[in-house]
Amino acid sequence: MASKYEYERRLQIKHFFDDRETGAKRRTWLEVQLSNPKKSPEGWVNDGKIRITLGENRDIKGSFLLNIEEASRLIKSLEIAIEDHEREKAGLWRN
């Protein structure tokens, strides 16, 4: 069933912290949304998009619209960074 919204939320990560300067509670967040592929009136199937939005409190600070290839490269980069991190951490535990 198709969503009534062009983009649908897939992930939201919130980070709460105390502002060192003011002592106030603050929040930053990251949201990942998906626009599914669609068939054009001519019969072509067009790729969907991934939108990554960064915000602070209730304000949007930045947004990235990625095609599927770009999103895939981002995922691979994150996986490699995590693997490198875990390998380094394991090495520190061994020494």
C-alpha atoms as a PDB file:
ATOM      1  CA  MET A   1       0.000   0.000   0.000  1.00  0.00           C
ATOM      2  CA  ALA A   2       1.364   3.398  -0.988  1.00  0.00           C
ATOM      3  CA  SER A   3       1.963   6.017   1.656  1.00  0.00           C
ATOM      4  CA  LYS A   4       0.057   9.288   1.436  1.00  0.00           C
ATOM      5  CA  TYR A   5       3.347  11.107   2.145  1.00  0.00           C
ATOM      6  CA  GLU A   6       6.130  11.481  -0.412  1.00  0.00           C
ATOM      7  CA  TYR A   7       8.755  10.642   2.255  1.00  0.00           C
ATOM      8  CA  GLU A   8       8.299   8.168   5.076  1.00  0.00           C
ATOM      9  CA  ARG A   9      10.399   8.195   8.251  1.00  0.00           C
ATOM     10  CA  ARG A  10      12.613   5.137   8.601  1.00  0.00           C
ATOM     11  CA  LEU A  11      14.940   6.144  11.436  1.00  0.00           C
ATOM     12  CA  GLN A  12      15.242   8.944  13.964  1.00  0.00           C
ATOM     13  CA  ILE A  13      18.190   9.224  16.345  1.00  0.00           C
ATOM     14  CA  LYS A  14      18.070  11.831  19.133  1.00  0.00           C
ATOM     15  CA  HIS A  15      20.979  12.950  21.274  1.00  0.00           C
ATOM     16  CA  PHE A  16      20.330  14.900  24.482  1.00  0.00           C
ATOM     17  CA  PHE A  17      23.101  16.824  26.235  1.00  0.00           C
ATOM     18  CA  ASP A  18      23.772  19.693  28.625  1.00  0.00           C
ATOM     19  CA  ASP A  19      25.092  22.838  26.931  1.00  0.00           C
ATOM     20  CA  ARG A  20      28.456  23.597  28.579  1.00  0.00           C
ATOM     21  CA  GLU A  21      28.047  27.352  28.176  1.00  0.00           C
ATOM     22  CA  THR A  22      24.448  27.828  29.316  1.00  0.00           C
ATOM     23  CA  GLY A  23      23.768  24.628  31.274  1.00  0.00           C
ATOM     24  CA  ALA A  24      20.527  24.225  29.296  1.00  0.00           C
ATOM     25  CA  LYS A  25      19.322  20.832  28.078  1.00  0.00           C
ATOM     26  CA  ARG A  26      19.750  20.585  24.304  1.00  0.00           C
ATOM     27  CA  ARG A  27      18.877  18.053  21.657  1.00  0.00           C
ATOM     28  CA  THR A  28      20.346  17.219  18.265  1.00  0.00           C
ATOM     29  CA  TRP A  29      18.788  14.694  15.931  1.00  0.00           C
ATOM     30  CA  LEU A  30      19.234  12.831  12.685  1.00  0.00           C
ATOM     31  CA  GLU A  31      16.348  11.510  10.627  1.00  0.00           C
ATOM     32  CA  VAL A  32      16.381   9.177   7.619  1.00  0.00           C
ATOM     33  CA  GLN A  33      13.405   9.215   5.274  1.00  0.00           C
ATOM     34  CA  LEU A  34      12.632   7.163   2.171  1.00  0.00           C
ATOM     35  CA  SER A  35      10.781   8.083  -0.985  1.00  0.00           C
ATOM     36  CA  ASN A  36       9.892   4.781  -2.680  1.00  0.00           C
ATOM     37  CA  PRO A  37      10.452   4.115  -6.382  1.00  0.00           C
ATOM     38  CA  LYS A  38       7.550   5.096  -8.609  1.00  0.00           C
ATOM     39  CA  LYS A  39       6.300   4.198 -12.049  1.00  0.00           C
ATOM     40  CA  SER A  40       5.929   7.132 -14.440  1.00  0.00           C
ATOM     41  CA  PRO A  41       2.862   7.571 -16.650  1.00  0.00           C
ATOM     42  CA  GLU A  42       5.068   6.431 -19.564  1.00  0.00           C
ATOM     43  CA  GLY A  43       5.824   3.124 -17.803  1.00  0.00           C
ATOM     44  CA  TRP A  44       9.368   3.876 -16.588  1.00  0.00           C
ATOM     45  CA  VAL A  45      10.317   2.967 -13.037  1.00  0.00           C
ATOM     46  CA  ASN A  46      12.107   5.861 -11.339  1.00  0.00           C
ATOM     47  CA  ASP A  47      14.370   5.332  -8.344  1.00  0.00           C
ATOM     48  CA  GLY A  48      13.315   6.631  -4.985  1.00  0.00           C
ATOM     49  CA  LYS A  49      15.435   8.903  -2.820  1.00  0.00           C
ATOM     50  CA  ILE A  50      16.833   8.871   0.689  1.00  0.00           C
ATOM     51  CA  ARG A  51      16.645  12.118   2.657  1.00  0.00           C
ATOM     52  CA  ILE A  52      18.903  12.613   5.673  1.00  0.00           C
ATOM     53  CA  THR A  53      17.987  15.561   7.877  1.00  0.00           C
ATOM     54  CA  LEU A  54      20.041  17.007  10.738  1.00  0.00           C
ATOM     55  CA  GLY A  55      18.474  19.210  13.357  1.00  0.00           C
ATOM     56  CA  GLU A  56      18.856  20.886  16.705  1.00  0.00           C
ATOM     57  CA  ASN A  57      15.922  21.111  19.089  1.00  0.00           C
ATOM     58  CA  ARG A  58      13.001  21.717  16.699  1.00  0.00           C
ATOM     59  CA  ASP A  59      15.007  23.399  13.920  1.00  0.00           C
ATOM     60  CA  ILE A  60      16.320  21.727  10.781  1.00  0.00           C
ATOM     61  CA  LYS A  61      19.994  22.606  10.384  1.00  0.00           C
ATOM     62  CA  GLY A  62      20.683  20.712   7.171  1.00  0.00           C
ATOM     63  CA  SER A  63      19.271  18.145   4.798  1.00  0.00           C
ATOM     64  CA  PHE A  64      20.815  15.836   2.202  1.00  0.00           C
ATOM     65  CA  LEU A  65      18.887  14.226  -0.629  1.00  0.00           C
ATOM     66  CA  LEU A  66      20.682  11.101  -1.842  1.00  0.00           C
ATOM     67  CA  ASN A  67      19.977   8.852  -4.776  1.00  0.00           C
ATOM     68  CA  ILE A  68      20.141   5.123  -4.083  1.00  0.00           C
ATOM     69  CA  GLU A  69      23.731   4.813  -5.340  1.00  0.00           C
ATOM     70  CA  GLU A  70      24.906   7.627  -3.045  1.00  0.00           C
ATOM     71  CA  ALA A  71      23.026   6.123  -0.096  1.00  0.00           C
ATOM     72  CA  SER A  72      24.656   2.758  -0.806  1.00  0.00           C
ATOM     73  CA  ARG A  73      28.131   4.354  -0.823  1.00  0.00           C
ATOM     74  CA  LEU A  74      27.344   6.076   2.482  1.00  0.00           C
ATOM     75  CA  ILE A  75      26.321   2.758   4.035  1.00  0.00           C
ATOM     76  CA  LYS A  76      29.508   1.051   2.808  1.00  0.00           C
ATOM     77  CA  SER A  77      31.619   3.910   4.206  1.00  0.00           C
ATOM     78  CA  LEU A  78      29.897   3.629   7.593  1.00  0.00           C
ATOM     79  CA  GLU A  79      30.370  -0.160   7.631  1.00  0.00           C
ATOM     80  CA  ILE A  80      34.091   0.193   6.870  1.00  0.00           C
ATOM     81  CA  ALA A  81      34.497   2.885   9.549  1.00  0.00           C
ATOM     82  CA  ILE A  82      32.765   0.661  12.122  1.00  0.00           C
ATOM     83  CA  GLU A  83      34.863  -2.375  11.161  1.00  0.00           C
ATOM     84  CA  ASP A  84      38.063  -0.296  11.437  1.00  0.00           C
ATOM     85  CA  HIS A  85      36.919   1.015  14.834  1.00  0.00           C
ATOM     86  CA  GLU A  86      36.167  -2.475  16.161  1.00  0.00           C
ATOM     87  CA  ARG A  87      39.473  -3.861  14.847  1.00  0.00           C
ATOM     88  CA  GLU A  88      41.387  -1.018  16.557  1.00  0.00           C
ATOM     89  CA  LYS A  89      39.438  -1.501  19.795  1.00  0.00           C
ATOM     90  CA  ALA A  90      40.111  -5.257  19.787  1.00  0.00           C
ATOM     91  CA  GLY A  91      43.815  -4.560  19.259  1.00  0.00           C
ATOM     92  CA  LEU A  92      43.863  -2.207  22.246  1.00  0.00           C
ATOM     93  CA  TRP A  93      42.239  -4.875  24.440  1.00  0.00           C
ATOM     94  CA  ARG A  94      44.869  -7.441  23.382  1.00  0.00           C
ATOM     95  CA  ASN A  95      47.837  -5.178  24.267  1.00  0.00           C
END
